[in-house]
Amino acid sequence: MWQVVLEDDDFHTYQYVIEMLGKIFGYSQEKAFALARIVDTNGRVVVYTDSKVLCVEMQSRIHSYGADPRMESSKGSMTAVVEPL
């Protein structure tokens, strides 16, 4: 098993993270908000666990999501890493 870990930064709003997690993973607003709080507090959060192939696909979706239109300083997507459990 592998996991996708979302890393915190100062270039994306909570709303961006909630929206992204909902669109990519189908998470509810409540679950996405909880994950956004964890990444903001801890600096990283596991957002997905599955096979390596599927985790790499989800990482690619995160990296393709684009910049946060709510922040002028946001120039691209959030960073996610794939790690073994």
C-alpha atoms as a PDB file:
ATOM      1  CA  MET A   1       0.000   0.000   0.000  1.00  0.00           C
ATOM      2  CA  TRP A   2       1.035   3.571  -0.749  1.00  0.00           C
ATOM      3  CA  GLN A   3      -0.209   6.989   0.301  1.00  0.00           C
ATOM      4  CA  VAL A   4      -0.516  10.453  -1.184  1.00  0.00           C
ATOM      5  CA  VAL A   5       0.655  13.146   1.225  1.00  0.00           C
ATOM      6  CA  LEU A   6      -0.400  16.751   0.636  1.00  0.00           C
ATOM      7  CA  GLU A   7       2.166  19.319   1.777  1.00  0.00           C
ATOM      8  CA  ASP A   8       1.308  22.717   3.231  1.00  0.00           C
ATOM      9  CA  ASP A   9       2.293  26.037   1.700  1.00  0.00           C
ATOM     10  CA  ASP A  10       1.318  29.687   1.943  1.00  0.00           C
ATOM     11  CA  PHE A  11      -0.014  29.989  -1.610  1.00  0.00           C
ATOM     12  CA  HIS A  12      -3.396  28.257  -1.393  1.00  0.00           C
ATOM     13  CA  THR A  13      -6.512  29.095   0.604  1.00  0.00           C
ATOM     14  CA  TYR A  14      -8.611  26.718   2.658  1.00  0.00           C
ATOM     15  CA  GLN A  15     -11.331  27.089   0.026  1.00  0.00           C
ATOM     16  CA  TYR A  16      -8.906  25.941  -2.682  1.00  0.00           C
ATOM     17  CA  VAL A  17      -7.893  22.870  -0.677  1.00  0.00           C
ATOM     18  CA  ILE A  18     -11.516  21.987   0.127  1.00  0.00           C
ATOM     19  CA  GLU A  19     -12.566  22.429  -3.494  1.00  0.00           C
ATOM     20  CA  MET A  20      -9.598  20.453  -4.848  1.00  0.00           C
ATOM     21  CA  LEU A  21     -10.075  17.519  -2.469  1.00  0.00           C
ATOM     22  CA  GLY A  22     -13.778  17.430  -3.300  1.00  0.00           C
ATOM     23  CA  LYS A  23     -13.239  17.430  -7.054  1.00  0.00           C
ATOM     24  CA  ILE A  24     -10.316  15.012  -7.138  1.00  0.00           C
ATOM     25  CA  PHE A  25     -11.314  12.555  -4.406  1.00  0.00           C
ATOM     26  CA  GLY A  26     -15.049  13.179  -4.031  1.00  0.00           C
ATOM     27  CA  TYR A  27     -14.633  14.126  -0.374  1.00  0.00           C
ATOM     28  CA  SER A  28     -17.441  15.948   1.396  1.00  0.00           C
ATOM     29  CA  GLN A  29     -16.902  19.558   2.460  1.00  0.00           C
ATOM     30  CA  GLU A  30     -16.621  18.376   6.063  1.00  0.00           C
ATOM     31  CA  LYS A  31     -13.931  15.788   5.340  1.00  0.00           C
ATOM     32  CA  ALA A  32     -12.045  18.137   3.025  1.00  0.00           C
ATOM     33  CA  PHE A  33     -12.148  20.911   5.645  1.00  0.00           C
ATOM     34  CA  ALA A  34     -10.820  18.518   8.291  1.00  0.00           C
ATOM     35  CA  LEU A  35      -7.921  17.529   6.005  1.00  0.00           C
ATOM     36  CA  ALA A  36      -7.233  21.201   5.198  1.00  0.00           C
ATOM     37  CA  ARG A  37      -6.976  21.961   8.910  1.00  0.00           C
ATOM     38  CA  ILE A  38      -4.571  19.071   9.441  1.00  0.00           C
ATOM     39  CA  VAL A  39      -2.281  20.114   6.578  1.00  0.00           C
ATOM     40  CA  ASP A  40      -2.348  23.699   7.834  1.00  0.00           C
ATOM     41  CA  THR A  41      -1.561  22.643  11.409  1.00  0.00           C
ATOM     42  CA  ASN A  42       0.865  19.763  10.823  1.00  0.00           C
ATOM     43  CA  GLY A  43       2.433  20.758   7.505  1.00  0.00           C
ATOM     44  CA  ARG A  44       1.288  17.599   5.735  1.00  0.00           C
ATOM     45  CA  VAL A  45      -1.647  15.204   5.628  1.00  0.00           C
ATOM     46  CA  VAL A  46      -2.385  11.831   4.042  1.00  0.00           C
ATOM     47  CA  VAL A  47      -5.234  12.363   1.570  1.00  0.00           C
ATOM     48  CA  TYR A  48      -5.335   8.985  -0.190  1.00  0.00           C
ATOM     49  CA  THR A  49      -4.141   5.406   0.303  1.00  0.00           C
ATOM     50  CA  ASP A  50      -4.111   2.701  -2.376  1.00  0.00           C
ATOM     51  CA  SER A  51      -1.779   0.969  -4.829  1.00  0.00           C
ATOM     52  CA  LYS A  52       1.288   2.822  -6.064  1.00  0.00           C
ATOM     53  CA  VAL A  53      -0.200   3.198  -9.551  1.00  0.00           C
ATOM     54  CA  LEU A  54      -3.396   4.822  -8.255  1.00  0.00           C
ATOM     55  CA  CYS A  55      -1.509   7.017  -5.810  1.00  0.00           C
ATOM     56  CA  VAL A  56       0.747   8.306  -8.594  1.00  0.00           C
ATOM     57  CA  GLU A  57      -2.386   9.050 -10.653  1.00  0.00           C
ATOM     58  CA  MET A  58      -3.915  11.022  -7.765  1.00  0.00           C
ATOM     59  CA  GLN A  59      -0.646  12.872  -7.206  1.00  0.00           C
ATOM     60  CA  SER A  60      -0.700  13.846 -10.889  1.00  0.00           C
ATOM     61  CA  ARG A  61      -4.264  15.141 -10.540  1.00  0.00           C
ATOM     62  CA  ILE A  62      -3.237  17.297  -7.576  1.00  0.00           C
ATOM     63  CA  HIS A  63      -0.233  18.648  -9.475  1.00  0.00           C
ATOM     64  CA  SER A  64      -2.468  19.412 -12.484  1.00  0.00           C
ATOM     65  CA  TYR A  65      -5.153  21.235 -10.506  1.00  0.00           C
ATOM     66  CA  GLY A  66      -3.601  24.654 -11.046  1.00  0.00           C
ATOM     67  CA  ALA A  67      -3.086  27.828  -9.087  1.00  0.00           C
ATOM     68  CA  ASP A  68      -5.490  29.264  -6.528  1.00  0.00           C
ATOM     69  CA  PRO A  69      -7.347  32.105  -8.287  1.00  0.00           C
ATOM     70  CA  ARG A  70      -8.087  33.655  -4.864  1.00  0.00           C
ATOM     71  CA  MET A  71      -4.403  34.415  -4.237  1.00  0.00           C
ATOM     72  CA  GLU A  72      -2.259  36.519  -6.527  1.00  0.00           C
ATOM     73  CA  SER A  73       0.883  34.870  -5.132  1.00  0.00           C
ATOM     74  CA  SER A  74      -0.340  31.376  -6.103  1.00  0.00           C
ATOM     75  CA  LYS A  75       1.576  30.338  -9.215  1.00  0.00           C
ATOM     76  CA  GLY A  76       0.727  26.640  -9.395  1.00  0.00           C
ATOM     77  CA  SER A  77      -0.781  23.607  -7.750  1.00  0.00           C
ATOM     78  CA  MET A  78      -0.085  22.284  -4.276  1.00  0.00           C
ATOM     79  CA  THR A  79       2.662  19.720  -3.770  1.00  0.00           C
ATOM     80  CA  ALA A  80       1.896  16.096  -3.030  1.00  0.00           C
ATOM     81  CA  VAL A  81       4.289  13.198  -2.553  1.00  0.00           C
ATOM     82  CA  VAL A  82       3.712   9.463  -2.866  1.00  0.00           C
ATOM     83  CA  GLU A  83       5.152   7.373  -0.026  1.00  0.00           C
ATOM     84  CA  PRO A  84       4.960   3.717   0.966  1.00  0.00           C
ATOM     85  CA  LEU A  85       3.041   2.931   4.124  1.00  0.00           C
END
